[in-house]
Protein backbone atom coordinates (compact mmCIF):
# COMPACT_ATOMS: atom_id res chain seq x y z
CA MET A 1 0.00 0.00 0.00
CA ASN A 2 1.41 3.40 -0.97
CA TYR A 3 0.89 6.65 0.92
CA SER A 4 1.35 10.15 -0.40
CA HIS A 5 3.38 12.81 1.38
CA SER A 6 0.08 14.47 2.30
CA ALA A 7 -1.06 11.46 4.33
CA TYR A 8 -1.74 12.10 8.00
CA GLN A 9 1.43 12.35 10.08
CA PRO A 10 1.21 13.88 13.60
CA ALA A 11 3.86 16.21 14.99
CA SER A 12 4.73 13.94 17.93
CA GLU A 13 3.66 10.76 19.68
CA ALA A 14 2.01 12.75 22.47
CA VAL A 15 -0.05 14.65 19.91
CA PHE A 16 -0.93 11.38 18.20
CA VAL A 17 -2.24 9.84 21.42
CA GLU A 18 -4.44 12.89 21.98
CA GLU A 19 -5.84 12.67 18.46
CA VAL A 20 -6.52 8.94 18.73
CA CYS A 21 -8.29 9.64 22.02
CA ALA A 22 -10.52 12.18 20.29
CA LEU A 23 -11.37 9.83 17.39
CA LEU A 24 -11.96 6.59 19.33
CA PRO A 25 -15.48 7.42 20.57
CA GLY A 26 -16.69 7.87 16.99
CA PHE A 27 -14.99 4.65 15.89
CA LEU A 28 -16.53 2.60 18.72
CA ARG A 29 -19.84 4.42 19.23
CA LYS A 30 -22.03 1.87 17.44
CA ARG A 31 -20.87 -0.83 19.84
CA ALA A 32 -22.06 0.79 23.07
CA ALA A 33 -24.79 2.88 24.64
CA THR A 34 -22.12 4.81 26.53
CA LEU A 35 -18.34 4.76 26.59
CA GLU A 36 -15.53 6.33 28.57
CA VAL A 37 -11.91 6.76 27.50
CA GLU A 38 -9.17 6.64 30.15
CA ARG A 39 -5.56 7.58 29.42
CA GLU A 40 -2.34 6.04 30.72
CA VAL A 41 -3.82 3.11 32.61
CA ALA A 42 -0.98 1.47 34.56
CA VAL A 43 -0.76 -2.13 35.76
CA GLY A 44 2.63 -3.09 37.13
CA ASN A 45 5.25 -2.14 34.54
CA THR A 46 2.78 -1.73 31.67
CA ILE A 47 0.95 1.49 30.82
CA ALA A 48 -1.73 1.44 28.14
CA ASP A 49 -2.06 4.72 26.27
CA LEU A 50 -5.85 4.41 26.18
CA VAL A 51 -8.45 2.08 27.67
CA VAL A 52 -12.08 2.41 26.66
CA MET A 53 -14.94 1.12 28.79
CA LEU A 54 -17.95 0.22 26.66
CA GLU A 55 -21.38 -0.14 28.27
CA ARG A 56 -24.05 -1.94 26.28
CA GLU A 57 -26.70 -0.38 28.51
CA SER A 58 -26.40 2.94 30.29
CA GLY A 59 -26.76 3.23 34.06
CA GLN A 60 -24.63 0.23 35.02
CA PRO A 61 -23.55 -0.06 38.70
CA ARG A 62 -20.47 1.77 39.93
CA ILE A 63 -18.26 1.23 42.95
CA ALA A 64 -17.03 3.70 45.55
CA ARG A 65 -13.32 3.04 45.08
CA PRO A 66 -10.96 0.90 42.98
CA LEU A 67 -10.05 -2.59 44.14
CA THR A 68 -6.71 -3.35 45.73
CA VAL A 69 -4.42 -5.97 44.22
CA ALA A 70 -5.51 -8.51 46.84
CA GLU A 71 -9.21 -7.84 46.22
CA SER A 72 -8.63 -8.11 42.48
CA VAL A 73 -6.85 -11.45 42.86
CA MET A 74 -9.61 -12.88 45.04
CA LEU A 75 -12.41 -11.71 42.77
CA SER A 76 -10.52 -13.11 39.79
CA VAL A 77 -10.27 -16.50 41.53
CA LEU A 78 -14.05 -16.51 42.03
CA ARG A 79 -14.75 -15.38 38.46
CA ARG A 80 -12.62 -18.14 36.97
CA ASN A 81 -13.43 -20.97 39.38
CA GLY A 82 -16.98 -20.26 40.51
CA PRO A 83 -18.26 -20.31 44.13
CA LEU A 84 -15.72 -21.41 46.75
CA LEU A 85 -15.65 -21.73 50.52
CA PRO A 86 -13.44 -19.20 52.34
CA ASN A 87 -11.16 -21.94 53.68
CA GLU A 88 -10.79 -23.34 50.14
CA MET A 89 -9.58 -19.97 48.89
CA GLU A 90 -7.12 -19.66 51.76
CA SER A 91 -5.70 -23.16 51.36
CA LEU A 92 -5.55 -23.17 47.55
CA TYR A 93 -4.36 -19.65 46.90
CA GLY A 94 -3.21 -18.15 50.19
CA PHE A 95 -4.03 -14.57 51.14
CA ASN A 96 -1.62 -14.12 54.04
CA GLY A 97 -4.36 -14.95 56.53
CA LYS A 98 -6.42 -11.99 55.31
CA THR A 99 -9.11 -13.97 53.45
CA GLU A 100 -11.98 -12.96 55.75
CA GLN A 101 -10.90 -9.32 55.74
CA ILE A 102 -10.73 -9.17 51.95
CA LEU A 103 -14.07 -10.99 51.59
CA LEU A 104 -15.71 -8.51 53.95
CA SER A 105 -14.39 -5.62 51.90
CA LEU A 106 -15.66 -7.13 48.64
CA SER A 107 -19.04 -7.81 50.23
CA LYS A 108 -19.36 -4.19 51.37
CA GLN A 109 -18.75 -3.08 47.78
CA GLY A 110 -21.48 -5.42 46.55
CA MET A 111 -19.10 -7.55 44.48
CA ILE A 112 -19.83 -10.89 46.19
CA SER A 113 -22.52 -12.61 48.25
CA SER A 114 -22.73 -15.72 50.43
CA ALA A 115 -24.81 -18.76 49.55
CA ARG A 116 -26.62 -20.84 52.19
CA SER A 117 -23.93 -23.48 51.77
CA GLY A 118 -21.32 -20.96 52.91
CA HIS A 119 -19.80 -20.64 49.45
CA VAL A 120 -18.74 -17.19 48.29
CA VAL A 121 -20.53 -16.22 45.07
CA PRO A 122 -19.35 -13.47 42.68
CA LYS A 123 -22.08 -11.14 41.44
CA ARG A 124 -22.02 -11.47 37.67
CA ARG A 125 -23.70 -8.14 37.05
CA TRP A 126 -20.31 -6.48 37.38
CA TRP A 127 -19.02 -8.18 34.23
CA GLY A 128 -22.02 -8.81 32.00
CA ALA A 129 -22.83 -5.42 30.51
CA ARG A 130 -19.38 -3.91 30.01
CA SER A 131 -16.29 -4.58 27.93
CA MET A 132 -12.83 -2.98 27.70
CA VAL A 133 -10.73 -2.05 24.69
CA ALA A 134 -7.03 -1.16 25.16
CA VAL A 135 -5.06 0.82 22.57
CA GLU A 136 -1.33 1.42 22.22
CA ALA A 137 -0.58 4.37 19.91
CA LYS A 138 2.86 4.68 18.32
CA LEU A 139 4.40 6.62 15.44
CA LEU A 140 7.11 4.17 14.35
CA ARG A 141 7.84 1.47 16.93
CA TRP A 142 5.05 -0.84 15.87
CA ARG A 143 6.80 -4.05 17.00
CA GLU A 144 7.17 -2.65 20.51
CA ALA A 145 3.54 -1.54 20.42
CA LEU A 146 2.44 -5.04 19.34
CA LEU A 147 4.16 -6.65 22.33
CA GLN A 148 2.62 -4.09 24.68
CA ALA A 149 -0.87 -4.57 23.24
CA ARG A 150 -0.47 -8.33 23.53
CA ALA A 151 0.10 -7.87 27.28
CA TYR A 152 -3.08 -5.80 27.57
CA ARG A 153 -5.09 -8.86 26.55
CA ARG A 154 -4.58 -10.04 30.14
CA TYR A 155 -7.34 -7.62 31.13
CA ALA A 156 -8.92 -6.10 28.01
CA ASP A 157 -11.51 -7.81 25.82
CA GLU A 158 -9.75 -6.41 22.77
CA ALA A 159 -6.32 -4.84 22.26
CA TYR A 160 -5.17 -2.68 19.36
CA VAL A 161 -2.14 -0.88 18.01
CA ALA A 162 -2.89 2.49 16.41
CA LEU A 163 -0.54 3.96 13.79
CA PRO A 164 -0.71 7.15 11.70
CA GLU A 165 -1.53 6.64 8.05
CA ALA A 166 1.74 8.05 6.69
CA LEU A 167 3.90 5.71 8.78
CA ALA A 168 1.82 2.51 8.81
CA ALA A 169 3.09 0.71 5.69
CA PRO A 170 5.77 -1.42 7.43
CA ALA A 171 3.26 -2.73 9.99
CA ILE A 172 0.61 -3.38 7.35
CA SER A 173 3.11 -5.43 5.35
CA GLU A 174 3.44 -7.72 8.37
CA VAL A 175 -0.18 -7.67 9.48
CA ASP A 176 -0.15 -11.44 9.97
CA LYS A 177 1.92 -10.88 13.13
CA PHE A 178 -0.96 -8.90 14.60
CA ARG A 179 -3.43 -11.65 13.71
CA MET A 180 -1.13 -14.28 15.22
CA TYR A 181 -1.20 -12.50 18.59
CA GLY A 182 -4.88 -11.57 18.42
CA VAL A 183 -4.06 -7.85 18.39
CA GLY A 184 -5.95 -5.49 16.07
CA LEU A 185 -4.32 -2.87 13.87
CA LEU A 186 -5.87 0.59 13.48
CA ILE A 187 -4.81 3.12 10.86
CA VAL A 188 -5.47 6.71 11.79
CA SER A 189 -6.06 9.46 9.24
CA GLU A 190 -6.72 13.11 10.00
CA ASN A 191 -10.42 12.64 10.72
CA SER A 192 -11.06 8.91 11.06
CA ILE A 193 -9.87 5.50 12.18
CA ARG A 194 -10.12 2.32 10.15
CA SER A 195 -9.31 -1.25 11.07
CA VAL A 196 -6.79 -3.22 9.00
CA ALA A 197 -6.84 -6.25 11.30
CA ALA A 198 -9.60 -7.07 13.74
CA ALA A 199 -8.71 -7.83 17.35
CA LYS A 200 -9.46 -11.33 18.56
CA LYS A 201 -11.60 -11.34 21.68
CA SER A 202 -9.58 -12.27 24.76
CA ILE A 203 -11.19 -14.52 27.35
CA ASP A 204 -8.12 -15.65 29.32
CA HIS A 205 -8.07 -12.75 31.78
CA ASP A 206 -6.18 -12.82 35.05
CA TRP A 207 -6.47 -10.59 38.16
CA ARG A 208 -5.54 -7.55 36.09
CA ARG A 209 -9.05 -7.69 34.66
CA GLU A 210 -10.63 -6.79 38.00
CA PHE A 211 -7.82 -4.37 38.84
CA VAL A 212 -8.28 -2.22 35.72
CA TYR A 213 -12.03 -2.74 35.45
CA SER A 214 -12.58 -1.41 38.96
CA ARG A 215 -10.58 1.72 38.21
CA LEU A 216 -12.71 2.57 35.22
CA ILE A 217 -16.08 1.93 36.90
CA SER A 218 -15.02 3.94 39.95
CA GLY A 219 -13.88 6.84 37.78
CA LYS A 220 -10.32 6.62 39.11
CA GLY A 221 -8.46 5.04 36.22
CA ARG A 222 -5.50 7.38 36.53
CA GLU A 223 -4.80 6.02 40.01
CA SER A 224 -4.41 2.49 38.68
CA GLY A 225 -0.85 2.16 40.00
CA VAL A 226 -2.02 2.66 43.59
CA ASP A 227 -2.77 -0.12 46.04
CA TYR A 228 -5.42 1.02 48.52
CA GLY A 229 -3.98 -0.90 51.43
CA ILE A 230 -5.72 -4.25 51.89
CA TYR A 231 -3.66 -7.38 51.57
């Protein structure tokens, strides 16, 4: 694919991220009743340029504060394994003797409930009506962006690399690498975004799913590197 010298080329990577942020709502609007874009969402040593929370129906429940790492791990265990007894969680996964404390905190936030059998049950309403899309925007370093976006699949439903039109040819020529990793490729022009490779839906999420998800539904995504003190 050939591009003319007039093809869209932003002045800097920071400017490019801002412009992708402005265009993403229009690109994704048909997929959600409401959406929110959060910038620089950090988890450990990874920082996604943009994470979009899509709500299929407006008015979904929120939480008062983001989850801690320990809360995220425990809720992830319940999401992936189904209802468990508190002593099963402690013996199988170990929470430094803080299992009851963490469960109480999750219960107060309305994230879990207790069955008559004593099993802890995750409330599915927190996951059913929302999805997350993570985007890494780069000018030239598309291979680095691909590896970063691949890591975002640990928590996002879809992960993309966004490149400006004038500089995208090398990545497009190797688009099969994006498909191999399940990462989508977006080409950004001055006023629009188009998809060259669709992102494969990720279903193998770990605790980072709850960690990031809670930051976006509490409206505190920019604090995603902070542990709120329960472990």
